[in-house]
Amino acid sequence: MTIPQNILKIINSIPPYVTVIAATKSRSISEIKEAINTGITIIGENYVQEAKEKYAELKGLVSFHLIGHLQSNKVKIAVEIFDMIQTIDSLQICKEINKRTKKIMPVLVEINTGYESNKTGILPDDTLGFLNAIRNFKNMQVKGIMAMAPSMKTKEEYRHYFRRMKDLFNKLKHANIPNISMEILSMGMSDSYTVAIEEGSTMVRIGRDIFGYG
C-alpha cells in the first residue's frame, strides 16, 4: 500500500478525537510531504539535528513534535523548531526550556510506565510530585503525559501498561494542579496503537504503519 492509502486506512479506523502523529525519523522530505498532502498535520521527530534539517524545508507546512529524548545542550535549538516537546523527564530540562524559549512551550511529561532502569521518563509514583515541582515555570505549559511502553510480542500484552497510564492520567486530572492541564494522553505506536486507543489514548505516534519498513 502507498503512504496515502496507509494514512487513510488508519484515520478511517480510529475515533475522530484521536490525533495521529506521523513518526518521521529517517524519512525523506518527499515521503513526509506525501503524508502532509494526505492530511497529516503533525510529525514526530526523535533527534533535534535531524528535525532542524527537515524544518528548513517543511516550516509552515506541518507542526513539529519532539518524541525522542531531549539533551540539555539541544534545548536552545529545540524550542525554536518544535511546537511541542513530548519527552519532558527532568527538572533540569524544564529549567532549560523555561530559560531558552521565547514562547509558551507546550510539553508532555514522559512516564516510564514499565519502571525500566534503562529508559528515561518519570516513574508513575513520582509524577504528582514532579508536576508540583514544575508548575510555576512561566514559559512552559504541561498539556498531558506521554508513555513509551515496554516492547511486547503481542498487542494484548501492552494493555496493562496503557491501562496504568490511563489511571495515572485520571489521577493527575483530578488533582487539579495549578497551571497544569491534562488534555493529552500520548501513547501507542504502530504495533500497539489500537490497544492504546481502546485504553484511552488521545494521541498516537505511527511510523512503520504509515511509511512501511525502512
Protein backbone atom coordinates (compact mmCIF):
# COMPACT_ATOMS: atom_id res chain seq x y z
CA MET A 1 0.00 0.00 0.00
CA THR A 2 1.06 3.59 -0.57
CA ILE A 3 1.65 6.20 2.12
CA PRO A 4 -1.70 7.94 1.37
CA GLN A 5 -3.52 4.59 1.47
CA ASN A 6 -1.90 3.70 4.79
CA ILE A 7 -2.86 7.03 6.33
CA LEU A 8 -6.47 6.87 5.15
CA LYS A 9 -6.77 3.32 6.44
CA ILE A 10 -5.56 4.43 9.89
CA ILE A 11 -7.66 7.59 10.07
CA ASN A 12 -10.80 5.74 9.00
CA SER A 13 -10.27 3.08 11.67
CA ILE A 14 -9.83 5.29 14.74
CA PRO A 15 -12.11 7.70 16.63
CA PRO A 16 -12.10 11.32 15.41
CA TYR A 17 -10.81 12.62 18.77
CA VAL A 18 -7.50 10.73 18.39
CA THR A 19 -4.65 12.73 16.86
CA VAL A 20 -2.29 10.87 14.55
CA ILE A 21 1.35 11.91 14.62
CA ALA A 22 3.48 10.61 11.76
CA ALA A 23 6.77 9.42 13.25
CA THR A 24 9.26 10.58 10.62
CA LYS A 25 12.69 9.54 11.89
CA SER A 26 14.89 8.71 8.87
CA ARG A 27 12.08 9.51 6.43
CA SER A 28 12.69 11.66 3.36
CA ILE A 29 11.17 15.06 2.69
CA SER A 30 9.20 13.60 -0.24
CA GLU A 31 7.73 10.87 1.98
CA ILE A 32 6.78 13.42 4.62
CA LYS A 33 5.15 15.67 2.03
CA GLU A 34 3.07 12.73 0.83
CA ALA A 35 1.84 12.29 4.39
CA ILE A 36 1.10 16.01 4.75
CA ASN A 37 -0.84 16.01 1.47
CA THR A 38 -2.99 13.17 2.83
CA GLY A 39 -4.00 15.04 5.96
CA ILE A 40 -1.16 14.60 8.46
CA THR A 41 -0.78 17.85 10.40
CA ILE A 42 1.85 16.81 12.97
CA ILE A 43 5.13 14.97 12.55
CA GLY A 44 7.20 13.49 15.35
CA GLU A 45 10.98 13.61 15.26
CA ASN A 46 13.38 11.77 17.56
CA TYR A 47 16.50 13.86 17.04
CA VAL A 48 16.87 17.61 17.20
CA GLN A 49 19.54 17.83 14.49
CA GLU A 50 17.54 15.75 12.01
CA ALA A 51 14.45 17.80 12.76
CA LYS A 52 16.40 21.02 12.17
CA GLU A 53 17.34 19.87 8.67
CA LYS A 54 13.76 18.95 7.83
CA TYR A 55 12.38 22.13 9.39
CA ALA A 56 14.23 24.21 6.81
CA GLU A 57 12.12 22.61 4.08
CA LEU A 58 8.86 21.94 5.92
CA LYS A 59 8.40 25.06 8.03
CA GLY A 60 4.83 26.25 7.84
CA LEU A 61 3.56 23.03 6.26
CA VAL A 62 3.28 20.91 9.39
CA SER A 63 3.69 21.05 13.18
CA PHE A 64 6.82 19.51 14.70
CA HIS A 65 6.73 17.44 17.91
CA LEU A 66 9.83 16.10 19.64
CA ILE A 67 9.18 12.46 20.56
CA GLY A 68 12.77 11.48 21.38
CA HIS A 69 14.93 12.23 24.40
CA LEU A 70 15.99 15.87 24.76
CA GLN A 71 19.51 16.67 25.92
CA SER A 72 20.24 19.94 27.73
CA ASN A 73 22.67 21.13 25.06
CA LYS A 74 19.96 20.78 22.39
CA VAL A 75 17.26 22.79 24.17
CA LYS A 76 18.08 26.13 22.54
CA ILE A 77 17.54 24.70 19.05
CA ALA A 78 14.62 22.52 20.11
CA VAL A 79 12.50 25.38 21.41
CA GLU A 80 12.91 27.17 18.08
CA ILE A 81 11.89 24.19 15.96
CA PHE A 82 9.25 22.27 17.88
CA ASP A 83 5.63 23.15 18.54
CA MET A 84 5.52 20.60 21.37
CA ILE A 85 8.10 18.63 23.34
CA GLN A 86 6.63 15.29 24.41
CA THR A 87 9.56 13.95 26.40
CA ILE A 88 9.98 16.10 29.49
CA ASP A 89 11.77 13.90 32.01
CA SER A 90 13.76 16.04 34.45
CA LEU A 91 13.70 19.27 36.41
CA GLN A 92 16.91 20.37 34.69
CA ILE A 93 15.35 20.10 31.23
CA CYS A 94 12.35 22.11 32.41
CA LYS A 95 14.62 24.85 33.73
CA GLU A 96 16.47 24.99 30.41
CA ILE A 97 13.27 25.16 28.38
CA ASN A 98 11.84 27.87 30.60
CA LYS A 99 15.08 29.84 30.23
CA ARG A 100 15.60 29.41 26.49
CA THR A 101 12.15 29.60 24.92
CA LYS A 102 10.72 32.83 23.54
CA LYS A 103 7.20 31.41 23.53
CA ILE A 104 5.00 29.42 25.87
CA MET A 105 6.22 25.91 25.08
CA PRO A 106 3.60 23.14 25.27
CA VAL A 107 5.06 19.96 26.75
CA LEU A 108 4.11 16.45 27.81
CA VAL A 109 5.74 14.65 30.70
CA GLU A 110 7.23 11.32 29.66
CA ILE A 111 6.30 8.47 32.01
CA ASN A 112 8.43 5.37 32.49
CA THR A 113 5.35 3.21 32.82
CA GLY A 114 7.30 -0.06 32.82
CA TYR A 115 9.72 1.04 35.58
CA GLU A 116 12.57 0.16 33.22
CA SER A 117 16.02 1.12 34.52
CA ASN A 118 17.41 1.61 31.00
CA LYS A 119 14.68 4.02 29.92
CA THR A 120 14.15 7.73 30.52
CA GLY A 121 10.96 9.17 31.94
CA ILE A 122 9.39 9.96 35.29
CA LEU A 123 8.27 6.96 37.34
CA PRO A 124 4.48 6.82 37.81
CA ASP A 125 4.80 7.13 41.59
CA ASP A 126 6.89 10.30 41.23
CA THR A 127 4.70 12.08 38.68
CA LEU A 128 2.49 14.08 41.02
CA GLY A 129 5.49 15.45 42.90
CA PHE A 130 7.26 16.25 39.65
CA LEU A 131 4.29 18.21 38.30
CA ASN A 132 4.08 20.22 41.50
CA ALA A 133 7.80 20.99 41.18
CA ILE A 134 7.45 22.41 37.65
CA ARG A 135 4.03 24.03 37.79
CA ASN A 136 5.37 27.57 38.21
CA PHE A 137 7.56 27.70 35.13
CA LYS A 138 6.02 30.63 33.25
CA ASN A 139 7.30 29.77 29.77
CA MET A 140 6.20 26.13 29.75
CA GLN A 141 2.72 24.64 29.69
CA VAL A 142 2.18 21.00 30.62
CA LYS A 143 -0.61 19.61 28.42
CA GLY A 144 -0.57 15.98 29.50
CA ILE A 145 1.55 12.85 29.68
CA MET A 146 3.26 10.53 27.23
CA ALA A 147 4.50 6.96 27.52
CA MET A 148 6.82 4.59 25.76
CA ALA A 149 5.55 1.17 26.84
CA PRO A 150 7.99 -1.73 27.14
CA SER A 151 8.43 -3.72 23.94
CA MET A 152 5.97 -6.62 23.80
CA LYS A 153 5.43 -9.57 21.45
CA THR A 154 1.67 -9.17 21.06
CA LYS A 155 -0.72 -6.22 21.07
CA GLU A 156 -2.65 -7.57 24.02
CA GLU A 157 0.45 -7.57 26.23
CA TYR A 158 0.53 -3.76 26.00
CA ARG A 159 -2.90 -3.37 27.56
CA HIS A 160 -1.73 -3.49 31.18
CA TYR A 161 0.71 -0.62 30.65
CA PHE A 162 -1.77 1.54 28.77
CA ARG A 163 -4.43 0.96 31.42
CA ARG A 164 -1.92 2.01 34.08
CA MET A 165 -1.25 5.19 32.10
CA LYS A 166 -4.94 5.99 31.81
CA ASP A 167 -5.38 5.53 35.56
CA LEU A 168 -2.45 7.87 36.18
CA PHE A 169 -3.85 10.39 33.69
CA ASN A 170 -7.21 10.42 35.52
CA LYS A 171 -5.48 10.76 38.90
CA LEU A 172 -3.47 13.75 37.70
CA LYS A 173 -6.51 15.37 36.11
CA HIS A 174 -8.48 15.07 39.33
CA ALA A 175 -5.54 16.51 41.30
CA ASN A 176 -6.27 19.91 39.70
CA ILE A 177 -2.68 21.10 39.96
CA PRO A 178 -2.44 24.85 39.26
CA ASN A 179 -1.07 25.71 35.80
CA ILE A 180 -1.08 22.03 34.78
CA SER A 181 -3.64 20.71 32.31
CA MET A 182 -4.32 17.08 31.46
CA GLU A 183 -5.64 17.24 27.91
CA ILE A 184 -3.39 14.81 26.04
CA LEU A 185 -2.60 11.17 26.71
CA SER A 186 0.03 10.25 24.12
CA MET A 187 0.59 6.50 23.88
CA GLY A 188 0.62 3.86 21.20
CA MET A 189 2.75 3.23 18.12
CA SER A 190 2.45 1.05 15.03
CA ASP A 191 2.42 -2.23 16.93
CA SER A 192 0.17 -1.05 19.75
CA TYR A 193 -1.95 1.98 18.83
CA THR A 194 -5.23 0.07 18.50
CA VAL A 195 -4.97 -1.23 22.08
CA ALA A 196 -3.75 2.17 23.30
CA ILE A 197 -6.84 3.86 21.87
CA GLU A 198 -9.09 1.26 23.49
CA GLU A 199 -7.46 2.14 26.82
CA GLY A 200 -7.86 5.91 26.43
CA SER A 201 -5.08 7.29 24.24
CA THR A 202 -5.86 10.62 22.58
CA MET A 203 -2.66 10.81 20.53
CA VAL A 204 -0.76 8.05 18.70
CA ARG A 205 2.71 8.12 17.13
CA ILE A 206 2.84 5.98 13.99
CA GLY A 207 5.83 5.42 11.74
CA ARG A 208 6.01 1.96 10.17
CA ASP A 209 2.26 1.61 9.53
CA ILE A 210 2.37 4.89 7.58
CA PHE A 211 5.69 4.70 5.77
CA GLY A 212 6.42 0.98 5.73
CA TYR A 213 9.66 -0.63 6.84
CA GLY A 214 12.96 1.14 6.34
